[in-house]
Amino acid sequence: RGKIVIQGAGADGTFLGKGDVRGRGQFKGDGMKY
């Protein structure tokens, strides 16, 4: 994405949270594969 990538955890406070329904709804399985 870039030489430097800054990641904020967002409102839930968790980085790519397992409980983020909208995020997890985009894929199946445990890892977020490219």
Full PDB file with SEQRES, HELIX, SHEET, SSBOND, CRYST1, ORIGX, SCALE, CONECT and MASTER records, all heavy atoms in Angstrom:
SEQRES   1 A   34  ARG GLY LYS ILE VAL ILE GLN GLY ALA GLY ALA ASP GLY          
SEQRES   2 A   34  THR PHE LEU GLY LYS GLY ASP VAL ARG GLY ARG GLY GLN          
SEQRES   3 A   34  PHE LYS GLY ASP GLY MET LYS TYR                              
HELIX    1 AA1 VAL A   21  ARG A   24  1                                   4    
CRYST1    1.000    1.000    1.000  90.00  90.00  90.00 P 1           1          
ORIGX1      1.000000  0.000000  0.000000        0.00000                         
ORIGX2      0.000000  1.000000  0.000000        0.00000                         
ORIGX3      0.000000  0.000000  1.000000        0.00000                         
SCALE1      1.000000  0.000000  0.000000        0.00000                         
SCALE2      0.000000  1.000000  0.000000        0.00000                         
SCALE3      0.000000  0.000000  1.000000        0.00000                         
ATOM      1  N   ARG A   1       0.838  -1.207   0.000  1.00  0.00           N  
ATOM      2  CA  ARG A   1       0.000   0.000   0.000  1.00  0.00           C  
ATOM      3  C   ARG A   1       0.864   1.245   0.000  1.00  0.00           C  
ATOM      4  O   ARG A   1       0.505   2.273  -0.570  1.00  0.00           O  
ATOM      5  CB  ARG A   1      -0.881   0.040   1.253  1.00  0.00           C  
ATOM      6  CG  ARG A   1      -2.075  -0.881   1.255  1.00  0.00           C  
ATOM      7  CD  ARG A   1      -2.861  -0.709   2.551  1.00  0.00           C  
ATOM      8  NE  ARG A   1      -3.945  -1.662   2.650  1.00  0.00           N  
ATOM      9  CZ  ARG A   1      -5.201  -1.417   2.286  1.00  0.00           C  
ATOM     10  NH1 ARG A   1      -5.511  -0.221   1.810  1.00  0.00           N  
ATOM     11  NH2 ARG A   1      -6.134  -2.330   2.411  1.00  0.00           N  
ATOM     12  N   GLY A   2       1.984   1.156   0.692  1.00  0.00           N  
ATOM     13  CA  GLY A   2       2.895   2.285   0.792  1.00  0.00           C  
ATOM     14  C   GLY A   2       4.127   1.876   1.562  1.00  0.00           C  
ATOM     15  O   GLY A   2       4.158   0.822   2.194  1.00  0.00           O  
ATOM     16  N   LYS A   3       5.153   2.705   1.485  1.00  0.00           N  
ATOM     17  CA  LYS A   3       6.365   2.433   2.257  1.00  0.00           C  
ATOM     18  C   LYS A   3       6.070   2.464   3.753  1.00  0.00           C  
ATOM     19  O   LYS A   3       6.692   1.753   4.542  1.00  0.00           O  
ATOM     20  CB  LYS A   3       7.444   3.463   1.921  1.00  0.00           C  
ATOM     21  CG  LYS A   3       7.951   3.404   0.494  1.00  0.00           C  
ATOM     22  CD  LYS A   3       8.769   2.156   0.244  1.00  0.00           C  
ATOM     23  CE  LYS A   3       9.369   2.174  -1.155  1.00  0.00           C  
ATOM     24  NZ  LYS A   3      10.130   0.943  -1.455  1.00  0.00           N  
ATOM     25  N   ILE A   4       5.112   3.316   4.129  1.00  0.00           N  
ATOM     26  CA  ILE A   4       4.684   3.413   5.520  1.00  0.00           C  
ATOM     27  C   ILE A   4       3.166   3.304   5.548  1.00  0.00           C  
ATOM     28  O   ILE A   4       2.474   3.984   4.781  1.00  0.00           O  
ATOM     29  CB  ILE A   4       5.114   4.755   6.153  1.00  0.00           C  
ATOM     30  CG1 ILE A   4       6.638   4.882   6.138  1.00  0.00           C  
ATOM     31  CG2 ILE A   4       4.581   4.879   7.572  1.00  0.00           C  
ATOM     32  CD1 ILE A   4       7.133   6.235   6.599  1.00  0.00           C  
ATOM     33  N   VAL A   5       2.640   2.441   6.399  1.00  0.00           N  
ATOM     34  CA  VAL A   5       1.196   2.301   6.573  1.00  0.00           C  
ATOM     35  C   VAL A   5       0.891   2.517   8.054  1.00  0.00           C  
ATOM     36  O   VAL A   5       1.433   1.833   8.919  1.00  0.00           O  
ATOM     37  CB  VAL A   5       0.692   0.916   6.126  1.00  0.00           C  
ATOM     38  CG1 VAL A   5      -0.811   0.781   6.414  1.00  0.00           C  
ATOM     39  CG2 VAL A   5       0.968   0.696   4.638  1.00  0.00           C  
ATOM     40  N   ILE A   6       0.032   3.490   8.331  1.00  0.00           N  
ATOM     41  CA  ILE A   6      -0.387   3.783   9.704  1.00  0.00           C  
ATOM     42  C   ILE A   6      -1.791   3.237   9.888  1.00  0.00           C  
ATOM     43  O   ILE A   6      -2.685   3.503   9.082  1.00  0.00           O  
ATOM     44  CB  ILE A   6      -0.353   5.292   9.989  1.00  0.00           C  
ATOM     45  CG1 ILE A   6       1.071   5.829   9.783  1.00  0.00           C  
ATOM     46  CG2 ILE A   6      -0.824   5.583  11.406  1.00  0.00           C  
ATOM     47  CD1 ILE A   6       1.176   7.329   9.883  1.00  0.00           C  
ATOM     48  N   GLN A   7      -1.989   2.460  10.942  1.00  0.00           N  
ATOM     49  CA  GLN A   7      -3.267   1.795  11.183  1.00  0.00           C  
ATOM     50  C   GLN A   7      -3.820   2.181  12.543  1.00  0.00           C  
ATOM     51  O   GLN A   7      -3.188   1.981  13.570  1.00  0.00           O  
ATOM     52  CB  GLN A   7      -3.088   0.273  11.103  1.00  0.00           C  
ATOM     53  CG  GLN A   7      -4.366  -0.523  11.310  1.00  0.00           C  
ATOM     54  CD  GLN A   7      -4.123  -2.028  11.260  1.00  0.00           C  
ATOM     55  OE1 GLN A   7      -2.968  -2.475  11.172  1.00  0.00           O  
ATOM     56  NE2 GLN A   7      -5.188  -2.804  11.322  1.00  0.00           N  
ATOM     57  N   GLY A   8      -5.021   2.760  12.542  1.00  0.00           N  
ATOM     58  CA  GLY A   8      -5.741   3.046  13.765  1.00  0.00           C  
ATOM     59  C   GLY A   8      -6.804   1.982  13.981  1.00  0.00           C  
ATOM     60  O   GLY A   8      -7.406   1.496  13.021  1.00  0.00           O  
ATOM     61  N   ALA A   9      -7.078   1.634  15.223  1.00  0.00           N  
ATOM     62  CA  ALA A   9      -7.998   0.536  15.510  1.00  0.00           C  
ATOM     63  C   ALA A   9      -9.460   0.900  15.296  1.00  0.00           C  
ATOM     64  O   ALA A   9     -10.314   0.014  15.243  1.00  0.00           O  
ATOM     65  CB  ALA A   9      -7.793   0.048  16.950  1.00  0.00           C  
ATOM     66  N   GLY A  10      -9.785   2.191  15.189  1.00  0.00           N  
ATOM     67  CA  GLY A  10     -11.171   2.588  14.967  1.00  0.00           C  
ATOM     68  C   GLY A  10     -11.999   2.588  16.242  1.00  0.00           C  
ATOM     69  O   GLY A  10     -11.486   2.413  17.349  1.00  0.00           O  
ATOM     70  N   ALA A  11     -13.312   2.744  16.067  1.00  0.00           N  
ATOM     71  CA  ALA A  11     -14.203   2.923  17.218  1.00  0.00           C  
ATOM     72  C   ALA A  11     -14.239   1.720  18.151  1.00  0.00           C  
ATOM     73  O   ALA A  11     -14.424   1.872  19.359  1.00  0.00           O  
ATOM     74  CB  ALA A  11     -15.615   3.235  16.725  1.00  0.00           C  
ATOM     75  N   ASP A  12     -14.050   0.505  17.613  1.00  0.00           N  
ATOM     76  CA  ASP A  12     -14.096  -0.672  18.495  1.00  0.00           C  
ATOM     77  C   ASP A  12     -12.793  -0.890  19.252  1.00  0.00           C  
ATOM     78  O   ASP A  12     -12.716  -1.752  20.129  1.00  0.00           O  
ATOM     79  CB  ASP A  12     -14.503  -1.930  17.725  1.00  0.00           C  
ATOM     80  CG  ASP A  12     -13.469  -2.378  16.678  1.00  0.00           C  
ATOM     81  OD1 ASP A  12     -12.383  -1.766  16.585  1.00  0.00           O  
ATOM     82  OD2 ASP A  12     -13.762  -3.334  15.941  1.00  0.00           O  
ATOM     83  N   GLY A  13     -11.757  -0.124  18.915  1.00  0.00           N  
ATOM     84  CA  GLY A  13     -10.494  -0.202  19.643  1.00  0.00           C  
ATOM     85  C   GLY A  13      -9.645  -1.403  19.336  1.00  0.00           C  
ATOM     86  O   GLY A  13      -8.577  -1.586  19.929  1.00  0.00           O  
ATOM     87  N   THR A  14     -10.069  -2.252  18.391  1.00  0.00           N  
ATOM     88  CA  THR A  14      -9.383  -3.501  18.083  1.00  0.00           C  
ATOM     89  C   THR A  14      -8.917  -3.494  16.632  1.00  0.00           C  
ATOM     90  O   THR A  14      -9.685  -3.135  15.741  1.00  0.00           O  
ATOM     91  CB  THR A  14     -10.323  -4.709  18.294  1.00  0.00           C  
ATOM     92  OG1 THR A  14     -10.893  -4.633  19.587  1.00  0.00           O  
ATOM     93  CG2 THR A  14      -9.560  -6.007  18.152  1.00  0.00           C  
ATOM     94  N   PHE A  15      -7.687  -3.901  16.393  1.00  0.00           N  
ATOM     95  CA  PHE A  15      -7.164  -3.952  15.030  1.00  0.00           C  
ATOM     96  C   PHE A  15      -7.791  -5.110  14.264  1.00  0.00           C  
ATOM     97  O   PHE A  15      -7.646  -6.271  14.649  1.00  0.00           O  
ATOM     98  CB  PHE A  15      -5.634  -4.096  15.048  1.00  0.00           C  
ATOM     99  CG  PHE A  15      -4.947  -2.919  15.686  1.00  0.00           C  
ATOM    100  CD1 PHE A  15      -4.315  -3.049  16.908  1.00  0.00           C  
ATOM    101  CD2 PHE A  15      -4.959  -1.680  15.072  1.00  0.00           C  
ATOM    102  CE1 PHE A  15      -3.691  -1.960  17.505  1.00  0.00           C  
ATOM    103  CE2 PHE A  15      -4.336  -0.580  15.663  1.00  0.00           C  
ATOM    104  CZ  PHE A  15      -3.712  -0.723  16.884  1.00  0.00           C  
ATOM    105  N   LEU A  16      -8.532  -4.793  13.195  1.00  0.00           N  
ATOM    106  CA  LEU A  16      -9.227  -5.812  12.404  1.00  0.00           C  
ATOM    107  C   LEU A  16      -9.945  -6.780  13.348  1.00  0.00           C  
ATOM    108  O   LEU A  16      -9.660  -7.970  13.404  1.00  0.00           O  
ATOM    109  CB  LEU A  16      -8.256  -6.560  11.492  1.00  0.00           C  
ATOM    110  CG  LEU A  16      -7.495  -5.693  10.471  1.00  0.00           C  
ATOM    111  CD1 LEU A  16      -6.556  -6.562   9.636  1.00  0.00           C  
ATOM    112  CD2 LEU A  16      -8.459  -4.944   9.556  1.00  0.00           C  
ATOM    113  N   GLY A  17     -10.883  -6.241  14.092  1.00  0.00           N  
ATOM    114  CA  GLY A  17     -11.559  -7.007  15.136  1.00  0.00           C  
ATOM    115  C   GLY A  17     -12.396  -8.156  14.602  1.00  0.00           C  
ATOM    116  O   GLY A  17     -13.104  -8.021  13.607  1.00  0.00           O  
ATOM    117  N   LYS A  18     -12.325  -9.287  15.278  1.00  0.00           N  
ATOM    118  CA  LYS A  18     -13.113 -10.463  14.895  1.00  0.00           C  
ATOM    119  C   LYS A  18     -14.613 -10.188  15.001  1.00  0.00           C  
ATOM    120  O   LYS A  18     -15.414 -10.821  14.330  1.00  0.00           O  
ATOM    121  CB  LYS A  18     -12.749 -11.654  15.788  1.00  0.00           C  
ATOM    122  CG  LYS A  18     -11.335 -12.151  15.614  1.00  0.00           C  
ATOM    123  CD  LYS A  18     -11.046 -13.283  16.588  1.00  0.00           C  
ATOM    124  CE  LYS A  18      -9.626 -13.782  16.464  1.00  0.00           C  
ATOM    125  NZ  LYS A  18      -9.326 -14.862  17.437  1.00  0.00           N  
ATOM    126  N   GLY A  19     -14.983  -9.242  15.848  1.00  0.00           N  
ATOM    127  CA  GLY A  19     -16.387  -8.930  16.032  1.00  0.00           C  
ATOM    128  C   GLY A  19     -16.917  -7.878  15.079  1.00  0.00           C  
ATOM    129  O   GLY A  19     -18.082  -7.483  15.178  1.00  0.00           O  
ATOM    130  N   ASP A  20     -16.086  -7.392  14.166  1.00  0.00           N  
ATOM    131  CA  ASP A  20     -16.513  -6.394  13.190  1.00  0.00           C  
ATOM    132  C   ASP A  20     -17.329  -7.094  12.103  1.00  0.00           C  
ATOM    133  O   ASP A  20     -16.782  -7.659  11.156  1.00  0.00           O  
ATOM    134  CB  ASP A  20     -15.290  -5.694  12.590  1.00  0.00           C  
ATOM    135  CG  ASP A  20     -15.650  -4.464  11.764  1.00  0.00           C  
ATOM    136  OD1 ASP A  20     -16.645  -4.535  11.013  1.00  0.00           O  
ATOM    137  OD2 ASP A  20     -14.939  -3.452  11.857  1.00  0.00           O  
ATOM    138  N   VAL A  21     -18.645  -7.061  12.240  1.00  0.00           N  
ATOM    139  CA  VAL A  21     -19.522  -7.840  11.359  1.00  0.00           C  
ATOM    140  C   VAL A  21     -19.379  -7.412   9.906  1.00  0.00           C  
ATOM    141  O   VAL A  21     -19.314  -8.251   9.004  1.00  0.00           O  
ATOM    142  CB  VAL A  21     -20.993  -7.705  11.813  1.00  0.00           C  
ATOM    143  CG1 VAL A  21     -21.912  -8.448  10.853  1.00  0.00           C  
ATOM    144  CG2 VAL A  21     -21.154  -8.245  13.226  1.00  0.00           C  
ATOM    145  N   ARG A  22     -19.314  -6.127   9.653  1.00  0.00           N  
ATOM    146  CA  ARG A  22     -19.203  -5.657   8.270  1.00  0.00           C  
ATOM    147  C   ARG A  22     -17.879  -6.074   7.648  1.00  0.00           C  
ATOM    148  O   ARG A  22     -17.821  -6.488   6.495  1.00  0.00           O  
ATOM    149  CB  ARG A  22     -19.341  -4.134   8.222  1.00  0.00           C  
ATOM    150  CG  ARG A  22     -19.317  -3.560   6.807  1.00  0.00           C  
ATOM    151  CD  ARG A  22     -19.697  -2.089   6.807  1.00  0.00           C  
ATOM    152  NE  ARG A  22     -19.592  -1.521   5.476  1.00  0.00           N  
ATOM    153  CZ  ARG A  22     -18.502  -0.927   4.995  1.00  0.00           C  
ATOM    154  NH1 ARG A  22     -17.415  -0.823   5.761  1.00  0.00           N  
ATOM    155  NH2 ARG A  22     -18.469  -0.432   3.785  1.00  0.00           N  
ATOM    156  N   GLY A  23     -16.793  -5.996   8.425  1.00  0.00           N  
ATOM    157  CA  GLY A  23     -15.494  -6.403   7.906  1.00  0.00           C  
ATOM    158  C   GLY A  23     -15.428  -7.894   7.643  1.00  0.00           C  
ATOM    159  O   GLY A  23     -15.074  -8.328   6.538  1.00  0.00           O  
ATOM    160  N   ARG A  24     -15.805  -8.692   8.634  1.00  0.00           N  
ATOM    161  CA  ARG A  24     -15.735 -10.148   8.485  1.00  0.00           C  
ATOM    162  C   ARG A  24     -16.693 -10.658   7.424  1.00  0.00           C  
ATOM    163  O   ARG A  24     -16.499 -11.722   6.847  1.00  0.00           O  
ATOM    164  CB  ARG A  24     -16.038 -10.837   9.819  1.00  0.00           C  
ATOM    165  CG  ARG A  24     -14.925 -10.767  10.845  1.00  0.00           C  
ATOM    166  CD  ARG A  24     -13.641 -11.434  10.393  1.00  0.00           C  
ATOM    167  NE  ARG A  24     -13.742 -12.846  10.188  1.00  0.00           N  
ATOM    168  CZ  ARG A  24     -13.425 -13.778  11.087  1.00  0.00           C  
ATOM    169  NH1 ARG A  24     -13.010 -13.424  12.275  1.00  0.00           N  
ATOM    170  NH2 ARG A  24     -13.518 -15.056  10.798  1.00  0.00           N  
ATOM    171  N   GLY A  25     -17.752  -9.873   7.152  1.00  0.00           N  
ATOM    172  CA  GLY A  25     -18.732 -10.299   6.166  1.00  0.00           C  
ATOM    173  C   GLY A  25     -18.203 -10.299   4.740  1.00  0.00           C  
ATOM    174  O   GLY A  25     -18.845 -10.841   3.834  1.00  0.00           O  
ATOM    175  N   GLN A  26     -17.009  -9.711   4.533  1.00  0.00           N  
ATOM    176  CA  GLN A  26     -16.432  -9.643   3.198  1.00  0.00           C  
ATOM    177  C   GLN A  26     -15.654 -10.897   2.818  1.00  0.00           C  
ATOM    178  O   GLN A  26     -15.229 -11.044   1.681  1.00  0.00           O  
ATOM    179  CB  GLN A  26     -15.502  -8.426   3.091  1.00  0.00           C  
ATOM    180  CG  GLN A  26     -16.195  -7.099   3.314  1.00  0.00           C  
ATOM    181  CD  GLN A  26     -17.273  -6.831   2.290  1.00  0.00           C  
ATOM    182  OE1 GLN A  26     -17.047  -6.931   1.089  1.00  0.00           O  
ATOM    183  NE2 GLN A  26     -18.468  -6.514   2.758  1.00  0.00           N  
ATOM    184  N   PHE A  27     -15.438 -11.789   3.772  1.00  0.00           N  
ATOM    185  CA  PHE A  27     -14.658 -12.990   3.485  1.00  0.00           C  
ATOM    186  C   PHE A  27     -15.019 -14.103   4.456  1.00  0.00           C  
ATOM    187  O   PHE A  27     -15.671 -13.858   5.472  1.00  0.00           O  
ATOM    188  CB  PHE A  27     -13.155 -12.702   3.546  1.00  0.00           C  
ATOM    189  CG  PHE A  27     -12.658 -12.347   4.925  1.00  0.00           C  
ATOM    190  CD1 PHE A  27     -12.081 -13.307   5.741  1.00  0.00           C  
ATOM    191  CD2 PHE A  27     -12.771 -11.059   5.405  1.00  0.00           C  
ATOM    192  CE1 PHE A  27     -11.633 -12.987   7.007  1.00  0.00           C  
ATOM    193  CE2 PHE A  27     -12.318 -10.721   6.683  1.00  0.00           C  
ATOM    194  CZ  PHE A  27     -11.749 -11.693   7.478  1.00  0.00           C  
ATOM    195  N   LYS A  28     -14.597 -15.317   4.140  1.00  0.00           N  
ATOM    196  CA  LYS A  28     -14.812 -16.458   5.021  1.00  0.00           C  
ATOM    197  C   LYS A  28     -13.459 -16.959   5.535  1.00  0.00           C  
ATOM    198  O   LYS A  28     -12.413 -16.625   5.007  1.00  0.00           O  
ATOM    199  CB  LYS A  28     -15.524 -17.583   4.274  1.00  0.00           C  
ATOM    200  CG  LYS A  28     -16.966 -17.236   3.880  1.00  0.00           C  
ATOM    201  CD  LYS A  28     -17.642 -18.409   3.210  1.00  0.00           C  
ATOM    202  CE  LYS A  28     -19.078 -18.090   2.860  1.00  0.00           C  
ATOM    203  NZ  LYS A  28     -19.753 -19.230   2.201  1.00  0.00           N  
ATOM    204  N   GLY A  29     -13.484 -17.811   6.537  1.00  0.00           N  
ATOM    205  CA  GLY A  29     -12.239 -18.356   7.060  1.00  0.00           C  
ATOM    206  C   GLY A  29     -11.673 -17.466   8.140  1.00  0.00           C  
ATOM    207  O   GLY A  29     -12.269 -16.473   8.549  1.00  0.00           O  
ATOM    208  N   ASP A  30     -10.498 -17.809   8.613  1.00  0.00           N  
ATOM    209  CA  ASP A  30      -9.911 -17.114   9.743  1.00  0.00           C  
ATOM    210  C   ASP A  30      -8.996 -15.962   9.346  1.00  0.00           C  
ATOM    211  O   ASP A  30      -8.940 -14.957  10.035  1.00  0.00           O  
ATOM    212  CB  ASP A  30      -9.126 -18.107  10.610  1.00  0.00           C  
ATOM    213  CG  ASP A  30     -10.045 -19.115  11.285  1.00  0.00           C  
ATOM    214  OD1 ASP A  30     -11.146 -18.708  11.682  1.00  0.00           O  
ATOM    215  OD2 ASP A  30      -9.663 -20.286  11.387  1.00  0.00           O  
ATOM    216  N   GLY A  31      -8.248 -16.106   8.269  1.00  0.00           N  
ATOM    217  CA  GLY A  31      -7.332 -15.061   7.857  1.00  0.00           C  
ATOM    218  C   GLY A  31      -7.927 -14.204   6.749  1.00  0.00           C  
ATOM    219  O   GLY A  31      -8.693 -14.679   5.912  1.00  0.00           O  
ATOM    220  N   MET A  32      -7.599 -12.906   6.736  1.00  0.00           N  
ATOM    221  CA  MET A  32      -8.073 -11.993   5.702  1.00  0.00           C  
ATOM    222  C   MET A  32      -7.120 -12.060   4.509  1.00  0.00           C  
ATOM    223  O   MET A  32      -6.205 -11.255   4.358  1.00  0.00           O  
ATOM    224  CB  MET A  32      -8.143 -10.555   6.242  1.00  0.00           C  
ATOM    225  CG  MET A  32      -8.818  -9.569   5.304  1.00  0.00           C  
ATOM    226  SD  MET A  32      -8.854  -7.888   5.978  1.00  0.00           S  
ATOM    227  CE  MET A  32      -7.107  -7.441   5.843  1.00  0.00           C  
ATOM    228  N   LYS A  33      -7.324 -13.022   3.656  1.00  0.00           N  
ATOM    229  CA  LYS A  33      -6.416 -13.254   2.538  1.00  0.00           C  
ATOM    230  C   LYS A  33      -6.497 -12.131   1.506  1.00  0.00           C  
ATOM    231  O   LYS A  33      -7.570 -11.589   1.233  1.00  0.00           O  
ATOM    232  CB  LYS A  33      -6.745 -14.591   1.876  1.00  0.00           C  
ATOM    233  CG  LYS A  33      -6.587 -15.779   2.815  1.00  0.00           C  
ATOM    234  CD  LYS A  33      -7.002 -17.078   2.155  1.00  0.00           C  
ATOM    235  CE  LYS A  33      -6.872 -18.251   3.134  1.00  0.00           C  
ATOM    236  NZ  LYS A  33      -7.299 -19.529   2.539  1.00  0.00           N  
ATOM    237  N   TYR A  34      -5.357 -11.806   0.943  1.00  0.00           N  
ATOM    238  CA  TYR A  34      -5.293 -10.767  -0.082  1.00  0.00           C  
ATOM    239  C   TYR A  34      -6.217 -11.096  -1.254  1.00  0.00           C  
ATOM    240  O   TYR A  34      -6.849 -10.206  -1.829  1.00  0.00           O  
ATOM    241  CB  TYR A  34      -3.840 -10.631  -0.554  1.00  0.00           C  
ATOM    242  CG  TYR A  34      -3.645  -9.653  -1.690  1.00  0.00           C  
ATOM    243  CD1 TYR A  34      -3.664  -8.276  -1.468  1.00  0.00           C  
ATOM    244  CD2 TYR A  34      -3.414 -10.106  -2.983  1.00  0.00           C  
ATOM    245  CE1 TYR A  34      -3.464  -7.387  -2.513  1.00  0.00           C  
ATOM    246  CE2 TYR A  34      -3.213  -9.225  -4.033  1.00  0.00           C  
ATOM    247  CZ  TYR A  34      -3.239  -7.858  -3.792  1.00  0.00           C  
ATOM    248  OH  TYR A  34      -3.042  -6.977  -4.829  1.00  0.00           O  
TER     249      TYR A  34                                                      
MASTER        0    0    0    1    0    0    0    6  248    1    0    3          
END                                                                             
